[in-house]
Amino acid sequence: MKKYFLILLFVFSIVSCGNNKSYETKVSNVVFRVETIEIEDGFGYSVFVNGKKVIEQKNIPVIGENRVFKTSDDALKVGKLVVEKMTQSTDLPSLTKEELKALGVIE
């Protein structure tokens, strides 16, 4: 019985990993978390503040096109930048094309 439980636990951990990635940081008493989300033809990200979803970004912001992130790493990089900006200001963050280029998300 214990053997089957271990096998089931192993399979579950492999399935739950997938391509999705996450990042979490705490500033004072506020916990910020970014999770990548898999969508049709690519990736996006969600930002959570103290467990509540405050942003769901399904396409690359700022570029004026409806293009998704090619990789979960790209989505996570941008989500982390958004969280960094959120920790520095109470306003919702805005990004620039230059920042996305510096991250290697766009050319």
N, C-alpha and C. Protein backbone atom coordinates (compact mmCIF):
# COMPACT_ATOMS: atom_id res chain seq x y z
N MET A 1 0.83 -1.20 0.00
CA MET A 1 0.00 0.00 0.00
C MET A 1 0.87 1.26 0.00
N LYS A 2 1.91 1.25 0.82
CA LYS A 2 2.80 2.41 0.90
C LYS A 2 3.48 2.65 -0.44
N LYS A 3 3.83 1.56 -1.14
CA LYS A 3 4.49 1.66 -2.45
C LYS A 3 3.57 2.37 -3.45
N TYR A 4 2.30 2.02 -3.46
CA TYR A 4 1.35 2.64 -4.38
C TYR A 4 1.14 4.12 -4.05
N PHE A 5 1.13 4.43 -2.77
CA PHE A 5 0.99 5.82 -2.36
C PHE A 5 2.17 6.64 -2.85
N LEU A 6 3.39 6.11 -2.72
CA LEU A 6 4.59 6.81 -3.18
C LEU A 6 4.58 7.00 -4.70
N ILE A 7 4.15 5.99 -5.42
CA ILE A 7 4.06 6.10 -6.88
C ILE A 7 3.04 7.17 -7.27
N LEU A 8 1.89 7.15 -6.61
CA LEU A 8 0.85 8.14 -6.89
C LEU A 8 1.36 9.55 -6.57
N LEU A 9 2.05 9.71 -5.47
CA LEU A 9 2.61 11.01 -5.09
C LEU A 9 3.64 11.47 -6.12
N PHE A 10 4.47 10.58 -6.60
CA PHE A 10 5.48 10.90 -7.62
C PHE A 10 4.81 11.35 -8.91
N VAL A 11 3.80 10.61 -9.37
CA VAL A 11 3.10 10.96 -10.61
C VAL A 11 2.41 12.32 -10.46
N PHE A 12 1.78 12.55 -9.33
CA PHE A 12 1.11 13.84 -9.10
C PHE A 12 2.10 14.98 -9.14
N SER A 13 3.27 14.81 -8.56
CA SER A 13 4.25 15.90 -8.54
C SER A 13 4.76 16.20 -9.94
N ILE A 14 4.89 15.19 -10.79
CA ILE A 14 5.33 15.41 -12.17
C ILE A 14 4.25 16.14 -12.95
N VAL A 15 3.01 15.70 -12.81
CA VAL A 15 1.90 16.31 -13.55
C VAL A 15 1.69 17.75 -13.11
N SER A 16 1.82 18.03 -11.83
CA SER A 16 1.54 19.38 -11.35
C SER A 16 2.64 20.36 -11.69
N CYS A 17 3.84 19.90 -12.02
CA CYS A 17 4.93 20.80 -12.37
C CYS A 17 4.65 21.50 -13.69
N GLY A 18 4.49 20.76 -14.76
CA GLY A 18 4.19 21.33 -16.07
C GLY A 18 5.13 22.44 -16.47
N ASN A 19 4.64 23.37 -17.28
CA ASN A 19 5.44 24.50 -17.73
C ASN A 19 5.20 25.74 -16.88
N ASN A 20 4.26 25.68 -15.98
CA ASN A 20 3.92 26.85 -15.18
C ASN A 20 4.99 27.10 -14.13
N LYS A 21 5.28 28.38 -13.92
CA LYS A 21 6.29 28.77 -12.96
C LYS A 21 5.70 29.83 -12.05
N SER A 22 6.36 30.04 -10.91
CA SER A 22 5.87 31.06 -10.00
C SER A 22 7.02 31.73 -9.27
N TYR A 23 6.71 32.87 -8.69
CA TYR A 23 7.67 33.66 -7.93
C TYR A 23 6.89 34.34 -6.81
N GLU A 24 7.50 34.40 -5.63
CA GLU A 24 6.82 35.02 -4.51
C GLU A 24 7.81 35.88 -3.72
N THR A 25 7.34 37.03 -3.26
CA THR A 25 8.15 37.90 -2.41
C THR A 25 7.24 38.55 -1.39
N LYS A 26 7.83 38.91 -0.26
CA LYS A 26 7.05 39.54 0.81
C LYS A 26 7.68 40.89 1.13
N VAL A 27 6.86 41.91 1.17
CA VAL A 27 7.29 43.26 1.54
C VAL A 27 6.40 43.70 2.69
N SER A 28 7.00 43.96 3.84
CA SER A 28 6.26 44.25 5.07
C SER A 28 5.32 43.09 5.33
N ASN A 29 4.04 43.34 5.40
CA ASN A 29 3.06 42.26 5.63
C ASN A 29 2.32 41.87 4.36
N VAL A 30 2.84 42.25 3.21
CA VAL A 30 2.16 41.98 1.94
C VAL A 30 2.93 40.92 1.16
N VAL A 31 2.22 39.89 0.75
CA VAL A 31 2.83 38.82 -0.04
C VAL A 31 2.41 38.99 -1.50
N PHE A 32 3.39 39.12 -2.37
CA PHE A 32 3.17 39.23 -3.81
C PHE A 32 3.57 37.91 -4.45
N ARG A 33 2.73 37.41 -5.35
CA ARG A 33 3.04 36.16 -6.05
C ARG A 33 2.70 36.31 -7.53
N VAL A 34 3.58 35.82 -8.36
CA VAL A 34 3.34 35.76 -9.81
C VAL A 34 3.25 34.30 -10.19
N GLU A 35 2.26 33.94 -10.97
CA GLU A 35 2.13 32.59 -11.50
C GLU A 35 1.95 32.69 -13.01
N THR A 36 2.72 31.90 -13.74
CA THR A 36 2.50 31.87 -15.17
C THR A 36 1.28 31.00 -15.44
N ILE A 37 0.58 31.33 -16.52
CA ILE A 37 -0.59 30.56 -16.91
C ILE A 37 -0.42 30.13 -18.36
N GLU A 38 -0.79 28.90 -18.62
CA GLU A 38 -0.72 28.38 -19.97
C GLU A 38 -2.02 28.72 -20.69
N ILE A 39 -1.89 29.36 -21.84
CA ILE A 39 -3.06 29.73 -22.64
C ILE A 39 -2.83 29.24 -24.06
N GLU A 40 -3.81 29.41 -24.88
CA GLU A 40 -3.71 28.96 -26.27
C GLU A 40 -2.49 29.59 -26.95
N ASP A 41 -1.62 28.76 -27.48
CA ASP A 41 -0.44 29.19 -28.23
C ASP A 41 0.63 29.89 -27.41
N GLY A 42 0.58 29.84 -26.08
CA GLY A 42 1.63 30.49 -25.31
C GLY A 42 1.33 30.58 -23.83
N PHE A 43 1.78 31.69 -23.25
CA PHE A 43 1.69 31.88 -21.81
C PHE A 43 1.27 33.29 -21.46
N GLY A 44 0.79 33.45 -20.25
CA GLY A 44 0.49 34.73 -19.65
C GLY A 44 0.90 34.65 -18.19
N TYR A 45 0.46 35.61 -17.39
CA TYR A 45 0.77 35.55 -15.97
C TYR A 45 -0.35 36.18 -15.15
N SER A 46 -0.41 35.78 -13.90
CA SER A 46 -1.33 36.37 -12.93
C SER A 46 -0.51 36.88 -11.77
N VAL A 47 -0.93 38.01 -11.20
CA VAL A 47 -0.29 38.58 -10.02
C VAL A 47 -1.30 38.53 -8.88
N PHE A 48 -0.85 38.02 -7.74
CA PHE A 48 -1.67 37.92 -6.54
C PHE A 48 -1.07 38.79 -5.44
N VAL A 49 -1.92 39.45 -4.70
CA VAL A 49 -1.50 40.22 -3.53
C VAL A 49 -2.25 39.64 -2.34
N ASN A 50 -1.49 39.10 -1.40
CA ASN A 50 -2.07 38.41 -0.23
C ASN A 50 -3.11 37.38 -0.65
N GLY A 51 -2.80 36.64 -1.72
CA GLY A 51 -3.66 35.55 -2.17
C GLY A 51 -4.79 35.97 -3.09
N LYS A 52 -5.00 37.26 -3.30
CA LYS A 52 -6.09 37.73 -4.15
C LYS A 52 -5.53 38.12 -5.52
N LYS A 53 -6.13 37.58 -6.57
CA LYS A 53 -5.68 37.91 -7.93
C LYS A 53 -6.03 39.36 -8.24
N VAL A 54 -4.99 40.14 -8.60
CA VAL A 54 -5.23 41.55 -8.93
C VAL A 54 -4.93 41.85 -10.40
N ILE A 55 -4.15 40.99 -11.04
CA ILE A 55 -3.83 41.17 -12.46
C ILE A 55 -3.83 39.80 -13.13
N GLU A 56 -4.46 39.73 -14.29
CA GLU A 56 -4.33 38.56 -15.16
C GLU A 56 -3.96 39.09 -16.53
N GLN A 57 -2.75 38.81 -16.96
CA GLN A 57 -2.23 39.33 -18.22
C GLN A 57 -2.08 38.16 -19.20
N LYS A 58 -2.94 38.12 -20.20
CA LYS A 58 -2.93 37.02 -21.15
C LYS A 58 -2.18 37.35 -22.43
N ASN A 59 -1.69 38.58 -22.55
CA ASN A 59 -0.89 38.92 -23.72
C ASN A 59 0.22 39.88 -23.31
N ILE A 60 1.16 40.09 -24.21
CA ILE A 60 2.28 40.98 -23.92
C ILE A 60 1.75 42.41 -23.89
N PRO A 61 1.93 43.10 -22.76
CA PRO A 61 1.42 44.47 -22.67
C PRO A 61 2.25 45.45 -23.49
N VAL A 62 1.72 46.61 -23.75
CA VAL A 62 2.40 47.78 -24.32
C VAL A 62 2.64 47.71 -25.83
N ILE A 63 2.70 46.55 -26.42
CA ILE A 63 3.16 46.46 -27.82
C ILE A 63 2.07 46.77 -28.83
N GLY A 64 0.84 46.88 -28.40
CA GLY A 64 -0.24 47.24 -29.32
C GLY A 64 -0.69 46.09 -30.20
N GLU A 65 -0.31 44.88 -29.86
CA GLU A 65 -0.74 43.68 -30.59
C GLU A 65 -1.29 42.69 -29.58
N ASN A 66 -2.10 41.78 -30.06
CA ASN A 66 -2.63 40.73 -29.20
C ASN A 66 -1.73 39.50 -29.33
N ARG A 67 -0.52 39.59 -28.76
CA ARG A 67 0.47 38.51 -28.82
C ARG A 67 0.71 37.95 -27.44
N VAL A 68 0.75 36.62 -27.35
CA VAL A 68 1.01 35.96 -26.08
C VAL A 68 2.52 35.80 -25.88
N PHE A 69 2.93 35.53 -24.65
CA PHE A 69 4.33 35.24 -24.37
C PHE A 69 4.69 33.88 -24.96
N LYS A 70 5.85 33.79 -25.56
CA LYS A 70 6.28 32.53 -26.19
C LYS A 70 6.63 31.47 -25.15
N THR A 71 7.19 31.89 -24.01
CA THR A 71 7.61 30.93 -22.99
C THR A 71 7.10 31.37 -21.62
N SER A 72 7.03 30.41 -20.72
CA SER A 72 6.64 30.75 -19.35
C SER A 72 7.73 31.59 -18.69
N ASP A 73 8.98 31.41 -19.09
CA ASP A 73 10.07 32.23 -18.55
C ASP A 73 9.87 33.70 -18.91
N ASP A 74 9.48 33.98 -20.15
CA ASP A 74 9.22 35.37 -20.56
C ASP A 74 8.07 35.97 -19.74
N ALA A 75 7.00 35.22 -19.59
CA ALA A 75 5.85 35.70 -18.82
C ALA A 75 6.26 35.95 -17.37
N LEU A 76 7.07 35.07 -16.80
CA LEU A 76 7.50 35.22 -15.42
C LEU A 76 8.40 36.44 -15.25
N LYS A 77 9.30 36.68 -16.20
CA LYS A 77 10.18 37.85 -16.13
C LYS A 77 9.37 39.14 -16.08
N VAL A 78 8.37 39.24 -16.93
CA VAL A 78 7.55 40.45 -16.97
C VAL A 78 6.70 40.55 -15.69
N GLY A 79 6.15 39.43 -15.26
CA GLY A 79 5.37 39.43 -14.02
C GLY A 79 6.21 39.86 -12.82
N LYS A 80 7.45 39.42 -12.77
CA LYS A 80 8.35 39.83 -11.68
C LYS A 80 8.61 41.33 -11.72
N LEU A 81 8.79 41.88 -12.92
CA LEU A 81 8.99 43.32 -13.05
C LEU A 81 7.76 44.08 -12.57
N VAL A 82 6.59 43.58 -12.91
CA VAL A 82 5.34 44.20 -12.46
C VAL A 82 5.28 44.20 -10.93
N VAL A 83 5.61 43.07 -10.32
CA VAL A 83 5.59 42.98 -8.86
C VAL A 83 6.62 43.93 -8.26
N GLU A 84 7.79 44.00 -8.86
CA GLU A 84 8.81 44.93 -8.36
C GLU A 84 8.28 46.36 -8.35
N LYS A 85 7.60 46.74 -9.43
CA LYS A 85 7.03 48.08 -9.50
C LYS A 85 5.91 48.26 -8.49
N MET A 86 5.12 47.22 -8.25
CA MET A 86 4.03 47.30 -7.28
C MET A 86 4.57 47.48 -5.86
N THR A 87 5.72 46.93 -5.58
CA THR A 87 6.30 47.07 -4.24
C THR A 87 6.85 48.47 -4.00
N GLN A 88 7.04 49.23 -5.08
CA GLN A 88 7.60 50.57 -4.97
C GLN A 88 6.56 51.67 -5.05
N SER A 89 5.32 51.32 -5.41
CA SER A 89 4.28 52.32 -5.57
C SER A 89 2.91 51.70 -5.32
N THR A 90 1.97 52.52 -4.92
CA THR A 90 0.60 52.01 -4.72
C THR A 90 -0.21 52.06 -6.01
N ASP A 91 0.33 52.72 -7.04
CA ASP A 91 -0.35 52.78 -8.33
C ASP A 91 -0.16 51.46 -9.07
N LEU A 92 -1.12 51.16 -9.95
CA LEU A 92 -0.92 49.99 -10.81
C LEU A 92 0.26 50.27 -11.72
N PRO A 93 1.11 49.29 -11.92
CA PRO A 93 2.34 49.53 -12.68
C PRO A 93 2.09 49.67 -14.17
N SER A 94 2.97 50.42 -14.81
CA SER A 94 2.95 50.49 -16.27
C SER A 94 4.33 50.08 -16.76
N LEU A 95 4.36 49.49 -17.93
CA LEU A 95 5.60 49.02 -18.51
C LEU A 95 5.88 49.80 -19.79
N THR A 96 7.13 49.74 -20.23
CA THR A 96 7.51 50.36 -21.50
C THR A 96 8.06 49.30 -22.45
N LYS A 97 8.05 49.62 -23.73
CA LYS A 97 8.64 48.71 -24.71
C LYS A 97 10.12 48.50 -24.43
N GLU A 98 10.79 49.57 -23.96
CA GLU A 98 12.22 49.46 -23.66
C GLU A 98 12.48 48.44 -22.55
N GLU A 99 11.61 48.43 -21.55
CA GLU A 99 11.76 47.44 -20.47
C GLU A 99 11.57 46.01 -20.99
N LEU A 100 10.58 45.84 -21.87
CA LEU A 100 10.34 44.51 -22.44
C LEU A 100 11.51 44.08 -23.32
N LYS A 101 12.11 45.03 -24.05
CA LYS A 101 13.29 44.72 -24.84
C LYS A 101 14.46 44.34 -23.95
N ALA A 102 14.64 45.07 -22.85
CA ALA A 102 15.74 44.79 -21.94
C ALA A 102 15.60 43.39 -21.31
N LEU A 103 14.38 42.95 -21.12
CA LEU A 103 14.13 41.61 -20.58
C LEU A 103 14.27 40.53 -21.65
N GLY A 104 14.36 40.94 -22.92
CA GLY A 104 14.47 39.97 -24.01
C GLY A 104 13.15 39.37 -24.43
N VAL A 105 12.05 40.02 -24.04
CA VAL A 105 10.72 39.49 -24.37
C VAL A 105 10.29 39.90 -25.77
N ILE A 106 10.69 41.11 -26.19
CA ILE A 106 10.43 41.56 -27.55
C ILE A 106 11.73 42.06 -28.16
N GLU A 107 11.72 42.23 -29.46
CA GLU A 107 12.93 42.73 -30.16
C GLU A 107 12.89 44.22 -30.32
